[in-house]
Amino acid sequence: MSKKVIKKNGEKEQFIKEKIVVSAVKAGAPVDIARDIAKQVEEHNKEDLETKWIRQYVLNKLKYHNSKWHDRWINYDEGVKRLNKYRP
């Protein structure tokens, strides 16, 4: 059985660990650490993971390695949400 992500609106989609890798690298994490974090999420014992849980898990891991990576992720996330607020 493949892992699913439960989105905020309740929809389920296939878990794609590269999404975590790309986001973590954009926050400043080296690829090897980003892949390790994504692998840990993928190996979590639950088959269905909520996006909220994934986000918090990744943020905690980024902060553990380097608080600047955590802060960059938060700043990016807040910026995207601000932009989306004004889209029709």
PDB file of N, CA and C in Angstrom:
ATOM      1  N   MET A   1       0.842  -1.187   0.000  1.00  0.00           N
ATOM      2  CA  MET A   1       0.000   0.000   0.000  1.00  0.00           C
ATOM      3  C   MET A   1       0.886   1.248   0.000  1.00  0.00           C
ATOM      4  N   SER A   2       0.519   2.257  -0.776  1.00  0.00           N
ATOM      5  CA  SER A   2       1.360   3.444  -0.874  1.00  0.00           C
ATOM      6  C   SER A   2       0.883   4.541   0.085  1.00  0.00           C
ATOM      7  N   LYS A   3       1.813   5.343   0.509  1.00  0.00           N
ATOM      8  CA  LYS A   3       1.540   6.410   1.455  1.00  0.00           C
ATOM      9  C   LYS A   3       0.760   7.521   0.777  1.00  0.00           C
ATOM     10  N   LYS A   4      -0.195   8.092   1.530  1.00  0.00           N
ATOM     11  CA  LYS A   4      -1.024   9.186   1.032  1.00  0.00           C
ATOM     12  C   LYS A   4      -0.862  10.405   1.936  1.00  0.00           C
ATOM     13  N   VAL A   5      -1.100  11.563   1.342  1.00  0.00           N
ATOM     14  CA  VAL A   5      -1.090  12.816   2.074  1.00  0.00           C
ATOM     15  C   VAL A   5      -2.532  13.311   2.133  1.00  0.00           C
ATOM     16  N   ILE A   6      -2.959  13.676   3.338  1.00  0.00           N
ATOM     17  CA  ILE A   6      -4.288  14.242   3.504  1.00  0.00           C
ATOM     18  C   ILE A   6      -4.128  15.757   3.546  1.00  0.00           C
ATOM     19  N   LYS A   7      -4.655  16.406   2.533  1.00  0.00           N
ATOM     20  CA  LYS A   7      -4.514  17.851   2.413  1.00  0.00           C
ATOM     21  C   LYS A   7      -5.487  18.562   3.356  1.00  0.00           C
ATOM     22  N   LYS A   8      -5.273  19.858   3.512  1.00  0.00           N
ATOM     23  CA  LYS A   8      -6.079  20.670   4.421  1.00  0.00           C
ATOM     24  C   LYS A   8      -7.575  20.573   4.108  1.00  0.00           C
ATOM     25  N   ASN A   9      -7.920  20.469   2.825  1.00  0.00           N
ATOM     26  CA  ASN A   9      -9.322  20.401   2.419  1.00  0.00           C
ATOM     27  C   ASN A   9      -9.899  18.978   2.497  1.00  0.00           C
ATOM     28  N   GLY A  10      -9.089  18.026   2.975  1.00  0.00           N
ATOM     29  CA  GLY A  10      -9.550  16.654   3.138  1.00  0.00           C
ATOM     30  C   GLY A  10      -9.231  15.728   1.973  1.00  0.00           C
ATOM     31  N   GLU A  11      -8.801  16.302   0.859  1.00  0.00           N
ATOM     32  CA  GLU A  11      -8.446  15.469  -0.297  1.00  0.00           C
ATOM     33  C   GLU A  11      -7.180  14.673   0.008  1.00  0.00           C
ATOM     34  N   LYS A  12      -7.083  13.514  -0.636  1.00  0.00           N
ATOM     35  CA  LYS A  12      -5.881  12.686  -0.497  1.00  0.00           C
ATOM     36  C   LYS A  12      -5.131  12.698  -1.815  1.00  0.00           C
ATOM     37  N   GLU A  13      -3.808  12.713  -1.701  1.00  0.00           N
ATOM     38  CA  GLU A  13      -2.974  12.596  -2.892  1.00  0.00           C
ATOM     39  C   GLU A  13      -1.776  11.721  -2.560  1.00  0.00           C
ATOM     40  N   GLN A  14      -1.149  11.235  -3.592  1.00  0.00           N
ATOM     41  CA  GLN A  14       0.037  10.378  -3.447  1.00  0.00           C
ATOM     42  C   GLN A  14       1.163  11.140  -2.753  1.00  0.00           C
ATOM     43  N   PHE A  15       1.841  10.484  -1.821  1.00  0.00           N
ATOM     44  CA  PHE A  15       3.008  11.074  -1.166  1.00  0.00           C
ATOM     45  C   PHE A  15       4.167  11.089  -2.157  1.00  0.00           C
ATOM     46  N   ILE A  16       4.769  12.259  -2.330  1.00  0.00           N
ATOM     47  CA  ILE A  16       5.934  12.408  -3.206  1.00  0.00           C
ATOM     48  C   ILE A  16       7.040  13.041  -2.377  1.00  0.00           C
ATOM     49  N   LYS A  17       8.017  12.214  -1.989  1.00  0.00           N
ATOM     50  CA  LYS A  17       9.040  12.718  -1.077  1.00  0.00           C
ATOM     51  C   LYS A  17       9.914  13.804  -1.693  1.00  0.00           C
ATOM     52  N   GLU A  18       9.998  13.856  -3.011  1.00  0.00           N
ATOM     53  CA  GLU A  18      10.809  14.897  -3.649  1.00  0.00           C
ATOM     54  C   GLU A  18      10.266  16.301  -3.374  1.00  0.00           C
ATOM     55  N   LYS A  19       8.971  16.401  -3.077  1.00  0.00           N
ATOM     56  CA  LYS A  19       8.412  17.707  -2.711  1.00  0.00           C
ATOM     57  C   LYS A  19       9.070  18.222  -1.434  1.00  0.00           C
ATOM     58  N   ILE A  20       9.293  17.318  -0.490  1.00  0.00           N
ATOM     59  CA  ILE A  20       9.967  17.698   0.755  1.00  0.00           C
ATOM     60  C   ILE A  20      11.413  18.059   0.467  1.00  0.00           C
ATOM     61  N   VAL A  21      12.074  17.258  -0.345  1.00  0.00           N
ATOM     62  CA  VAL A  21      13.480  17.505  -0.676  1.00  0.00           C
ATOM     63  C   VAL A  21      13.634  18.883  -1.312  1.00  0.00           C
ATOM     64  N   VAL A  22      12.822  19.194  -2.300  1.00  0.00           N
ATOM     65  CA  VAL A  22      12.918  20.473  -3.003  1.00  0.00           C
ATOM     66  C   VAL A  22      12.675  21.632  -2.032  1.00  0.00           C
ATOM     67  N   SER A  23      11.652  21.525  -1.199  1.00  0.00           N
ATOM     68  CA  SER A  23      11.347  22.598  -0.248  1.00  0.00           C
ATOM     69  C   SER A  23      12.463  22.795   0.766  1.00  0.00           C
ATOM     70  N   ALA A  24      13.020  21.700   1.265  1.00  0.00           N
ATOM     71  CA  ALA A  24      14.100  21.794   2.242  1.00  0.00           C
ATOM     72  C   ALA A  24      15.359  22.396   1.623  1.00  0.00           C
ATOM     73  N   VAL A  25      15.656  22.015   0.390  1.00  0.00           N
ATOM     74  CA  VAL A  25      16.827  22.574  -0.302  1.00  0.00           C
ATOM     75  C   VAL A  25      16.620  24.067  -0.550  1.00  0.00           C
ATOM     76  N   LYS A  26      15.416  24.457  -0.940  1.00  0.00           N
ATOM     77  CA  LYS A  26      15.130  25.882  -1.140  1.00  0.00           C
ATOM     78  C   LYS A  26      15.299  26.675   0.152  1.00  0.00           C
ATOM     79  N   ALA A  27      15.078  26.009   1.286  1.00  0.00           N
ATOM     80  CA  ALA A  27      15.258  26.653   2.584  1.00  0.00           C
ATOM     81  C   ALA A  27      16.730  26.723   2.988  1.00  0.00           C
ATOM     82  N   GLY A  28      17.589  26.028   2.231  1.00  0.00           N
ATOM     83  CA  GLY A  28      19.022  26.093   2.500  1.00  0.00           C
ATOM     84  C   GLY A  28      19.671  24.789   2.920  1.00  0.00           C
ATOM     85  N   ALA A  29      18.879  23.756   3.129  1.00  0.00           N
ATOM     86  CA  ALA A  29      19.443  22.470   3.556  1.00  0.00           C
ATOM     87  C   ALA A  29      20.195  21.809   2.409  1.00  0.00           C
ATOM     88  N   PRO A  30      21.314  21.155   2.718  1.00  0.00           N
ATOM     89  CA  PRO A  30      22.005  20.378   1.686  1.00  0.00           C
ATOM     90  C   PRO A  30      21.126  19.203   1.231  1.00  0.00           C
ATOM     91  N   VAL A  31      21.338  18.761   0.015  1.00  0.00           N
ATOM     92  CA  VAL A  31      20.505  17.705  -0.562  1.00  0.00           C
ATOM     93  C   VAL A  31      20.515  16.446   0.301  1.00  0.00           C
ATOM     94  N   ASP A  32      21.659  16.059   0.847  1.00  0.00           N
ATOM     95  CA  ASP A  32      21.708  14.821   1.628  1.00  0.00           C
ATOM     96  C   ASP A  32      20.836  14.900   2.879  1.00  0.00           C
ATOM     97  N   ILE A  33      20.839  16.038   3.549  1.00  0.00           N
ATOM     98  CA  ILE A  33      19.998  16.199   4.742  1.00  0.00           C
ATOM     99  C   ILE A  33      18.529  16.271   4.329  1.00  0.00           C
ATOM    100  N   ALA A  34      18.234  16.988   3.247  1.00  0.00           N
ATOM    101  CA  ALA A  34      16.859  17.093   2.757  1.00  0.00           C
ATOM    102  C   ALA A  34      16.307  15.712   2.407  1.00  0.00           C
ATOM    103  N   ARG A  35      17.112  14.889   1.742  1.00  0.00           N
ATOM    104  CA  ARG A  35      16.676  13.531   1.389  1.00  0.00           C
ATOM    105  C   ARG A  35      16.468  12.666   2.633  1.00  0.00           C
ATOM    106  N   ASP A  36      17.324  12.847   3.632  1.00  0.00           N
ATOM    107  CA  ASP A  36      17.190  12.081   4.861  1.00  0.00           C
ATOM    108  C   ASP A  36      15.886  12.435   5.583  1.00  0.00           C
ATOM    109  N   ILE A  37      15.557  13.717   5.640  1.00  0.00           N
ATOM    110  CA  ILE A  37      14.306  14.144   6.271  1.00  0.00           C
ATOM    111  C   ILE A  37      13.116  13.558   5.514  1.00  0.00           C
ATOM    112  N   ALA A  38      13.147  13.643   4.189  1.00  0.00           N
ATOM    113  CA  ALA A  38      12.057  13.110   3.371  1.00  0.00           C
ATOM    114  C   ALA A  38      11.922  11.597   3.564  1.00  0.00           C
ATOM    115  N   LYS A  39      13.034  10.910   3.674  1.00  0.00           N
ATOM    116  CA  LYS A  39      13.014   9.458   3.881  1.00  0.00           C
ATOM    117  C   LYS A  39      12.385   9.116   5.227  1.00  0.00           C
ATOM    118  N   GLN A  40      12.694   9.905   6.247  1.00  0.00           N
ATOM    119  CA  GLN A  40      12.109   9.670   7.569  1.00  0.00           C
ATOM    120  C   GLN A  40      10.591   9.831   7.531  1.00  0.00           C
ATOM    121  N   VAL A  41      10.111  10.851   6.810  1.00  0.00           N
ATOM    122  CA  VAL A  41       8.664  11.038   6.673  1.00  0.00           C
ATOM    123  C   VAL A  41       8.065   9.847   5.932  1.00  0.00           C
ATOM    124  N   GLU A  42       8.710   9.441   4.849  1.00  0.00           N
ATOM    125  CA  GLU A  42       8.225   8.320   4.049  1.00  0.00           C
ATOM    126  C   GLU A  42       8.142   7.035   4.872  1.00  0.00           C
ATOM    127  N   GLU A  43       9.076   6.852   5.782  1.00  0.00           N
ATOM    128  CA  GLU A  43       9.138   5.627   6.581  1.00  0.00           C
ATOM    129  C   GLU A  43       8.266   5.677   7.836  1.00  0.00           C
ATOM    130  N   HIS A  44       7.583   6.781   8.050  1.00  0.00           N
ATOM    131  CA  HIS A  44       6.696   6.876   9.208  1.00  0.00           C
ATOM    132  C   HIS A  44       5.670   5.751   9.131  1.00  0.00           C
ATOM    133  N   ASN A  45       5.286   5.226  10.295  1.00  0.00           N
ATOM    134  CA  ASN A  45       4.449   4.025  10.318  1.00  0.00           C
ATOM    135  C   ASN A  45       3.000   4.235   9.868  1.00  0.00           C
ATOM    136  N   LYS A  46       2.537   5.458   9.754  1.00  0.00           N
ATOM    137  CA  LYS A  46       1.164   5.687   9.276  1.00  0.00           C
ATOM    138  C   LYS A  46       1.148   5.757   7.752  1.00  0.00           C
ATOM    139  N   GLU A  47       0.107   5.203   7.152  1.00  0.00           N
ATOM    140  CA  GLU A  47      -0.022   5.228   5.693  1.00  0.00           C
ATOM    141  C   GLU A  47      -0.550   6.566   5.186  1.00  0.00           C
ATOM    142  N   ASP A  48      -1.415   7.218   5.985  1.00  0.00           N
ATOM    143  CA  ASP A  48      -1.975   8.510   5.612  1.00  0.00           C
ATOM    144  C   ASP A  48      -1.441   9.570   6.559  1.00  0.00           C
ATOM    145  N   LEU A  49      -0.800  10.590   5.999  1.00  0.00           N
ATOM    146  CA  LEU A  49      -0.214  11.662   6.798  1.00  0.00           C
ATOM    147  C   LEU A  49      -0.853  12.993   6.438  1.00  0.00           C
ATOM    148  N   GLU A  50      -1.201  13.769   7.442  1.00  0.00           N
ATOM    149  CA  GLU A  50      -1.767  15.089   7.196  1.00  0.00           C
ATOM    150  C   GLU A  50      -0.643  16.061   6.841  1.00  0.00           C
ATOM    151  N   THR A  51      -0.947  16.987   5.943  1.00  0.00           N
ATOM    152  CA  THR A  51       0.065  17.976   5.541  1.00  0.00           C
ATOM    153  C   THR A  51       0.559  18.762   6.751  1.00  0.00           C
ATOM    154  N   LYS A  52      -0.336  19.043   7.692  1.00  0.00           N
ATOM    155  CA  LYS A  52       0.048  19.790   8.899  1.00  0.00           C
ATOM    156  C   LYS A  52       1.134  19.035   9.676  1.00  0.00           C
ATOM    157  N   TRP A  53       0.963  17.708   9.803  1.00  0.00           N
ATOM    158  CA  TRP A  53       1.943  16.903  10.521  1.00  0.00           C
ATOM    159  C   TRP A  53       3.270  16.897   9.767  1.00  0.00           C
ATOM    160  N   ILE A  54       3.215  16.702   8.439  1.00  0.00           N
ATOM    161  CA  ILE A  54       4.437  16.665   7.625  1.00  0.00           C
ATOM    162  C   ILE A  54       5.187  17.978   7.765  1.00  0.00           C
ATOM    163  N   ARG A  55       4.479  19.088   7.626  1.00  0.00           N
ATOM    164  CA  ARG A  55       5.099  20.412   7.719  1.00  0.00           C
ATOM    165  C   ARG A  55       5.811  20.580   9.063  1.00  0.00           C
ATOM    166  N   GLN A  56       5.122  20.250  10.157  1.00  0.00           N
ATOM    167  CA  GLN A  56       5.713  20.420  11.482  1.00  0.00           C
ATOM    168  C   GLN A  56       6.922  19.504  11.677  1.00  0.00           C
ATOM    169  N   TYR A  57       6.827  18.287  11.197  1.00  0.00           N
ATOM    170  CA  TYR A  57       7.941  17.343  11.311  1.00  0.00           C
ATOM    171  C   TYR A  57       9.172  17.877  10.576  1.00  0.00           C
ATOM    172  N   VAL A  58       8.960  18.322   9.341  1.00  0.00           N
ATOM    173  CA  VAL A  58      10.070  18.838   8.531  1.00  0.00           C
ATOM    174  C   VAL A  58      10.656  20.093   9.176  1.00  0.00           C
ATOM    175  N   LEU A  59       9.804  20.994   9.639  1.00  0.00           N
ATOM    176  CA  LEU A  59      10.302  22.214  10.289  1.00  0.00           C
ATOM    177  C   LEU A  59      11.132  21.889  11.527  1.00  0.00           C
ATOM    178  N   ASN A  60      10.690  20.930  12.320  1.00  0.00           N
ATOM    179  CA  ASN A  60      11.458  20.534  13.513  1.00  0.00           C
ATOM    180  C   ASN A  60      12.826  19.978  13.122  1.00  0.00           C
ATOM    181  N   LYS A  61      12.860  19.163  12.074  1.00  0.00           N
ATOM    182  CA  LYS A  61      14.132  18.595  11.622  1.00  0.00           C
ATOM    183  C   LYS A  61      15.058  19.685  11.070  1.00  0.00           C
ATOM    184  N   LEU A  62      14.496  20.622  10.306  1.00  0.00           N
ATOM    185  CA  LEU A  62      15.313  21.715   9.779  1.00  0.00           C
ATOM    186  C   LEU A  62      15.887  22.546  10.923  1.00  0.00           C
ATOM    187  N   LYS A  63      15.053  22.842  11.901  1.00  0.00           N
ATOM    188  CA  LYS A  63      15.506  23.642  13.047  1.00  0.00           C
ATOM    189  C   LYS A  63      16.605  22.922  13.827  1.00  0.00           C
ATOM    190  N   TYR A  64      16.472  21.596  13.946  1.00  0.00           N
ATOM    191  CA  TYR A  64      17.477  20.794  14.643  1.00  0.00           C
ATOM    192  C   TYR A  64      18.838  20.938  13.957  1.00  0.00           C
ATOM    193  N   HIS A  65      18.833  20.929  12.641  1.00  0.00           N
ATOM    194  CA  HIS A  65      20.088  21.011  11.886  1.00  0.00           C
ATOM    195  C   HIS A  65      20.608  22.450  11.776  1.00  0.00           C
ATOM    196  N   ASN A  66      19.688  23.393  11.541  1.00  0.00           N
ATOM    197  CA  ASN A  66      20.113  24.788  11.357  1.00  0.00           C
ATOM    198  C   ASN A  66      18.872  25.680  11.451  1.00  0.00           C
ATOM    199  N   SER A  67      18.808  26.521  12.464  1.00  0.00           N
ATOM    200  CA  SER A  67      17.615  27.344  12.679  1.00  0.00           C
ATOM    201  C   SER A  67      17.344  28.294  11.507  1.00  0.00           C
ATOM    202  N   LYS A  68      18.379  28.654  10.750  1.00  0.00           N
ATOM    203  CA  LYS A  68      18.175  29.532   9.589  1.00  0.00           C
ATOM    204  C   LYS A  68      17.342  28.837   8.506  1.00  0.00           C
ATOM    205  N   TRP A  69      17.520  27.533   8.342  1.00  0.00           N
ATOM    206  CA  TRP A  69      16.732  26.795   7.348  1.00  0.00           C
ATOM    207  C   TRP A  69      15.259  26.814   7.745  1.00  0.00           C
ATOM    208  N   HIS A  70      15.027  26.605   9.026  1.00  0.00           N
ATOM    209  CA  HIS A  70      13.659  26.653   9.558  1.00  0.00           C
ATOM    210  C   HIS A  70      13.041  28.027   9.294  1.00  0.00           C
ATOM    211  N   ASP A  71      13.770  29.082   9.626  1.00  0.00           N
ATOM    212  CA  ASP A  71      13.259  30.445   9.462  1.00  0.00           C
ATOM    213  C   ASP A  71      12.994  30.779   7.994  1.00  0.00           C
ATOM    214  N   ARG A  72      13.874  30.327   7.098  1.00  0.00           N
ATOM    215  CA  ARG A  72      13.670  30.568   5.664  1.00  0.00           C
ATOM    216  C   ARG A  72      12.408  29.882   5.164  1.00  0.00           C
ATOM    217  N   TRP A  73      12.173  28.645   5.619  1.00  0.00           N
ATOM    218  CA  TRP A  73      10.960  27.922   5.217  1.00  0.00           C
ATOM    219  C   TRP A  73       9.727  28.715   5.666  1.00  0.00           C
ATOM    220  N   ILE A  74       9.726  29.164   6.929  1.00  0.00           N
ATOM    221  CA  ILE A  74       8.591  29.915   7.477  1.00  0.00           C
ATOM    222  C   ILE A  74       8.369  31.196   6.674  1.00  0.00           C
ATOM    223  N   ASN A  75       9.442  31.936   6.417  1.00  0.00           N
ATOM    224  CA  ASN A  75       9.322  33.192   5.667  1.00  0.00           C
ATOM    225  C   ASN A  75       8.777  32.950   4.264  1.00  0.00           C
ATOM    226  N   TYR A  76       9.259  31.932   3.600  1.00  0.00           N
ATOM    227  CA  TYR A  76       8.769  31.601   2.259  1.00  0.00           C
ATOM    228  C   TYR A  76       7.291  31.231   2.317  1.00  0.00           C
ATOM    229  N   ASP A  77       6.952  30.369   3.260  1.00  0.00           N
ATOM    230  CA  ASP A  77       5.580  29.898   3.408  1.00  0.00           C
ATOM    231  C   ASP A  77       4.625  31.068   3.658  1.00  0.00           C
ATOM    232  N   GLU A  78       5.008  31.968   4.532  1.00  0.00           N
ATOM    233  CA  GLU A  78       4.173  33.127   4.822  1.00  0.00           C
ATOM    234  C   GLU A  78       4.046  34.031   3.599  1.00  0.00           C
ATOM    235  N   GLY A  79       5.120  34.195   2.850  1.00  0.00           N
ATOM    236  CA  GLY A  79       5.084  35.006   1.640  1.00  0.00           C
ATOM    237  C   GLY A  79       4.154  34.437   0.591  1.00  0.00           C
ATOM    238  N   VAL A  80       4.184  33.132   0.406  1.00  0.00           N
ATOM    239  CA  VAL A  80       3.311  32.473  -0.569  1.00  0.00           C
ATOM    240  C   VAL A  80       1.851  32.636  -0.152  1.00  0.00           C
ATOM    241  N   LYS A  81       1.578  32.470   1.131  1.00  0.00           N
ATOM    242  CA  LYS A  81       0.203  32.603   1.612  1.00  0.00           C
ATOM    243  C   LYS A  81      -0.300  34.028   1.423  1.00  0.00           C
ATOM    244  N   ARG A  82       0.578  35.024   1.626  1.00  0.00           N
ATOM    245  CA  ARG A  82       0.186  36.412   1.403  1.00  0.00           C
ATOM    246  C   ARG A  82      -0.143  36.650  -0.065  1.00  0.00           C
ATOM    247  N   LEU A  83       0.687  36.115  -0.956  1.00  0.00           N
ATOM    248  CA  LEU A  83       0.440  36.282  -2.399  1.00  0.00           C
ATOM    249  C   LEU A  83      -0.854  35.612  -2.823  1.00  0.00           C
ATOM    250  N   ASN A  84      -1.092  34.406  -2.322  1.00  0.00           N
ATOM    251  CA  ASN A  84      -2.290  33.658  -2.705  1.00  0.00           C
ATOM    252  C   ASN A  84      -3.560  34.335  -2.209  1.00  0.00           C
ATOM    253  N   LYS A  85      -3.448  35.107  -1.150  1.00  0.00           N
ATOM    254  CA  LYS A  85      -4.594  35.806  -0.599  1.00  0.00           C
ATOM    255  C   LYS A  85      -5.191  36.807  -1.610  1.00  0.00           C
ATOM    256  N   TYR A  86      -4.335  37.329  -2.481  1.00  0.00           N
ATOM    257  CA  TYR A  86      -4.758  38.339  -3.446  1.00  0.00           C
ATOM    258  C   TYR A  86      -5.062  37.790  -4.840  1.00  0.00           C
ATOM    259  N   ARG A  87      -4.934  36.500  -5.007  1.00  0.00           N
ATOM    260  CA  ARG A  87      -5.237  35.890  -6.309  1.00  0.00           C
ATOM    261  C   ARG A  87      -6.737  35.648  -6.422  1.00  0.00           C
ATOM    262  N   PRO A  88      -7.263  35.855  -7.632  1.00  0.00           N
ATOM    263  CA  PRO A  88      -8.712  35.631  -7.820  1.00  0.00           C
ATOM    264  C   PRO A  88      -9.085  34.168  -7.770  1.00  0.00           C
TER     265      PRO A  88
END
